[in-house]
Amino acid sequence: MELAKTLGVHRNTLRLYMKHHGVERKYSDLTNTDLDLLIKEFKKKRPDSGIRYIVGYLCRHGLRVQHR
């Protein structure tokens, strides 16, 4: 976690503090249709790329999604 590194604490410590104070990391509010469109757009540009590249692409666009 970049935030933990910036704060100079271990990522597990940061997660504990976040949990203790009710701060959650939620998945993006994205419909299946919108997700499908984004993935199709990515696959047009990089047809041989796998799931990790797709997740990275979505992260770069500020989206957090489940991997399954």
N, C-alpha and C. Protein backbone atom coordinates (compact mmCIF):
# COMPACT_ATOMS: atom_id res chain seq x y z
N MET A 1 0.84 -1.18 0.00
CA MET A 1 0.00 0.00 0.00
C MET A 1 0.88 1.25 0.00
N GLU A 2 0.62 2.09 -0.91
CA GLU A 2 1.40 3.31 -1.03
C GLU A 2 1.20 4.22 0.18
N LEU A 3 -0.02 4.26 0.71
CA LEU A 3 -0.30 5.12 1.86
C LEU A 3 0.50 4.67 3.08
N ALA A 4 0.57 3.37 3.32
CA ALA A 4 1.33 2.85 4.45
C ALA A 4 2.80 3.23 4.32
N LYS A 5 3.33 3.13 3.13
CA LYS A 5 4.72 3.49 2.89
C LYS A 5 4.94 4.98 3.14
N THR A 6 4.01 5.80 2.67
CA THR A 6 4.11 7.25 2.87
C THR A 6 4.05 7.61 4.34
N LEU A 7 3.19 6.91 5.09
CA LEU A 7 3.05 7.17 6.53
C LEU A 7 4.16 6.54 7.36
N GLY A 8 4.91 5.64 6.75
CA GLY A 8 6.00 4.98 7.46
C GLY A 8 5.53 3.90 8.42
N VAL A 9 4.40 3.25 8.09
CA VAL A 9 3.89 2.15 8.91
C VAL A 9 3.72 0.92 8.03
N HIS A 10 3.64 -0.23 8.68
CA HIS A 10 3.42 -1.47 7.94
C HIS A 10 1.99 -1.49 7.42
N ARG A 11 1.77 -2.14 6.28
CA ARG A 11 0.44 -2.16 5.67
C ARG A 11 -0.60 -2.81 6.58
N ASN A 12 -0.19 -3.82 7.37
CA ASN A 12 -1.13 -4.45 8.29
C ASN A 12 -1.56 -3.49 9.40
N THR A 13 -0.63 -2.68 9.87
CA THR A 13 -0.95 -1.67 10.88
C THR A 13 -1.96 -0.68 10.32
N LEU A 14 -1.75 -0.25 9.09
CA LEU A 14 -2.68 0.69 8.46
C LEU A 14 -4.06 0.06 8.31
N ARG A 15 -4.11 -1.20 7.89
CA ARG A 15 -5.40 -1.88 7.75
C ARG A 15 -6.14 -1.98 9.08
N LEU A 16 -5.40 -2.26 10.15
CA LEU A 16 -6.02 -2.33 11.48
C LEU A 16 -6.60 -0.98 11.89
N TYR A 17 -5.84 0.08 11.69
CA TYR A 17 -6.33 1.42 12.02
C TYR A 17 -7.55 1.78 11.17
N MET A 18 -7.51 1.44 9.90
CA MET A 18 -8.64 1.73 9.02
C MET A 18 -9.88 0.98 9.49
N LYS A 19 -9.71 -0.29 9.82
CA LYS A 19 -10.83 -1.10 10.29
C LYS A 19 -11.37 -0.55 11.61
N HIS A 20 -10.48 -0.20 12.51
CA HIS A 20 -10.86 0.33 13.82
C HIS A 20 -11.67 1.62 13.68
N HIS A 21 -11.35 2.44 12.71
CA HIS A 21 -12.01 3.74 12.53
C HIS A 21 -13.11 3.71 11.46
N GLY A 22 -13.44 2.51 10.99
CA GLY A 22 -14.55 2.36 10.05
C GLY A 22 -14.27 2.84 8.64
N VAL A 23 -13.01 2.89 8.26
CA VAL A 23 -12.65 3.30 6.89
C VAL A 23 -12.56 2.04 6.04
N GLU A 24 -13.34 2.01 4.97
CA GLU A 24 -13.38 0.84 4.11
C GLU A 24 -12.88 1.17 2.70
N ARG A 25 -12.29 0.17 2.08
CA ARG A 25 -11.95 0.28 0.66
C ARG A 25 -13.02 -0.49 -0.08
N LYS A 26 -13.85 0.21 -0.80
CA LYS A 26 -14.96 -0.44 -1.49
C LYS A 26 -14.65 -0.60 -2.97
N TYR A 27 -15.37 -1.53 -3.56
CA TYR A 27 -15.25 -1.71 -5.00
C TYR A 27 -16.03 -0.61 -5.71
N SER A 28 -15.63 -0.32 -6.92
CA SER A 28 -16.27 0.72 -7.71
C SER A 28 -17.71 0.35 -8.03
N ASP A 29 -18.57 1.35 -8.07
CA ASP A 29 -19.96 1.15 -8.44
C ASP A 29 -20.05 1.18 -9.95
N LEU A 30 -19.99 0.01 -10.55
CA LEU A 30 -19.89 -0.12 -12.00
C LEU A 30 -20.81 -1.25 -12.45
N THR A 31 -21.63 -0.99 -13.46
CA THR A 31 -22.52 -2.04 -13.96
C THR A 31 -21.72 -3.04 -14.78
N ASN A 32 -22.26 -4.22 -14.93
CA ASN A 32 -21.61 -5.24 -15.77
C ASN A 32 -21.46 -4.75 -17.20
N THR A 33 -22.45 -4.03 -17.69
CA THR A 33 -22.39 -3.50 -19.06
C THR A 33 -21.24 -2.52 -19.22
N ASP A 34 -21.10 -1.61 -18.26
CA ASP A 34 -19.99 -0.64 -18.31
C ASP A 34 -18.64 -1.34 -18.22
N LEU A 35 -18.55 -2.33 -17.34
CA LEU A 35 -17.31 -3.09 -17.20
C LEU A 35 -16.98 -3.82 -18.49
N ASP A 36 -17.99 -4.43 -19.09
CA ASP A 36 -17.78 -5.13 -20.37
C ASP A 36 -17.26 -4.19 -21.44
N LEU A 37 -17.82 -2.99 -21.51
CA LEU A 37 -17.37 -2.00 -22.50
C LEU A 37 -15.92 -1.61 -22.29
N LEU A 38 -15.54 -1.39 -21.03
CA LEU A 38 -14.16 -1.03 -20.73
C LEU A 38 -13.20 -2.15 -21.11
N ILE A 39 -13.58 -3.37 -20.79
CA ILE A 39 -12.71 -4.51 -21.10
C ILE A 39 -12.61 -4.72 -22.62
N LYS A 40 -13.71 -4.57 -23.33
CA LYS A 40 -13.67 -4.69 -24.79
C LYS A 40 -12.77 -3.63 -25.41
N GLU A 41 -12.85 -2.40 -24.88
CA GLU A 41 -11.98 -1.32 -25.36
C GLU A 41 -10.51 -1.67 -25.14
N PHE A 42 -10.21 -2.21 -23.96
CA PHE A 42 -8.83 -2.60 -23.65
C PHE A 42 -8.38 -3.73 -24.57
N LYS A 43 -9.24 -4.74 -24.76
CA LYS A 43 -8.86 -5.91 -25.56
C LYS A 43 -8.66 -5.56 -27.03
N LYS A 44 -9.31 -4.49 -27.52
CA LYS A 44 -9.07 -4.05 -28.89
C LYS A 44 -7.63 -3.58 -29.05
N LYS A 45 -7.13 -2.89 -28.02
CA LYS A 45 -5.78 -2.36 -28.07
C LYS A 45 -4.72 -3.42 -27.76
N ARG A 46 -5.06 -4.33 -26.84
CA ARG A 46 -4.09 -5.34 -26.40
C ARG A 46 -4.76 -6.71 -26.33
N PRO A 47 -5.02 -7.32 -27.47
CA PRO A 47 -5.80 -8.57 -27.51
C PRO A 47 -5.15 -9.76 -26.79
N ASP A 48 -3.84 -9.74 -26.65
CA ASP A 48 -3.16 -10.89 -26.03
C ASP A 48 -2.95 -10.73 -24.53
N SER A 49 -3.39 -9.62 -23.95
CA SER A 49 -3.18 -9.37 -22.53
C SER A 49 -4.16 -10.16 -21.68
N GLY A 50 -3.70 -10.52 -20.47
CA GLY A 50 -4.52 -11.31 -19.56
C GLY A 50 -5.19 -10.48 -18.48
N ILE A 51 -5.71 -11.19 -17.49
CA ILE A 51 -6.52 -10.57 -16.44
C ILE A 51 -5.72 -9.55 -15.62
N ARG A 52 -4.47 -9.82 -15.34
CA ARG A 52 -3.68 -8.88 -14.53
C ARG A 52 -3.51 -7.54 -15.24
N TYR A 53 -3.32 -7.58 -16.52
CA TYR A 53 -3.21 -6.34 -17.29
C TYR A 53 -4.54 -5.59 -17.32
N ILE A 54 -5.62 -6.34 -17.40
CA ILE A 54 -6.94 -5.71 -17.41
C ILE A 54 -7.20 -5.03 -16.07
N VAL A 55 -6.91 -5.72 -14.97
CA VAL A 55 -7.10 -5.14 -13.63
C VAL A 55 -6.23 -3.89 -13.48
N GLY A 56 -5.00 -3.94 -13.96
CA GLY A 56 -4.12 -2.77 -13.93
C GLY A 56 -4.68 -1.61 -14.74
N TYR A 57 -5.22 -1.92 -15.89
CA TYR A 57 -5.85 -0.91 -16.74
C TYR A 57 -7.00 -0.23 -16.01
N LEU A 58 -7.83 -1.03 -15.35
CA LEU A 58 -8.96 -0.48 -14.61
C LEU A 58 -8.48 0.37 -13.43
N CYS A 59 -7.44 -0.10 -12.74
CA CYS A 59 -6.88 0.68 -11.61
C CYS A 59 -6.35 2.03 -12.08
N ARG A 60 -5.69 2.04 -13.22
CA ARG A 60 -5.17 3.30 -13.75
C ARG A 60 -6.29 4.28 -14.06
N HIS A 61 -7.48 3.74 -14.29
CA HIS A 61 -8.64 4.60 -14.56
C HIS A 61 -9.46 4.85 -13.29
N GLY A 62 -8.88 4.52 -12.13
CA GLY A 62 -9.53 4.82 -10.85
C GLY A 62 -10.63 3.86 -10.45
N LEU A 63 -10.63 2.66 -11.04
CA LEU A 63 -11.67 1.68 -10.74
C LEU A 63 -11.10 0.53 -9.92
N ARG A 64 -11.85 0.08 -8.95
CA ARG A 64 -11.45 -1.06 -8.13
C ARG A 64 -12.52 -2.12 -8.31
N VAL A 65 -12.13 -3.28 -8.84
CA VAL A 65 -13.07 -4.36 -9.12
C VAL A 65 -12.57 -5.67 -8.54
N GLN A 66 -13.50 -6.59 -8.30
CA GLN A 66 -13.12 -7.94 -7.88
C GLN A 66 -12.48 -8.66 -9.06
N HIS A 67 -11.58 -9.57 -8.78
CA HIS A 67 -10.86 -10.26 -9.86
C HIS A 67 -11.64 -11.43 -10.42
N ARG A 68 -12.72 -11.84 -9.76
CA ARG A 68 -13.48 -13.00 -10.24
C ARG A 68 -14.81 -12.57 -10.79
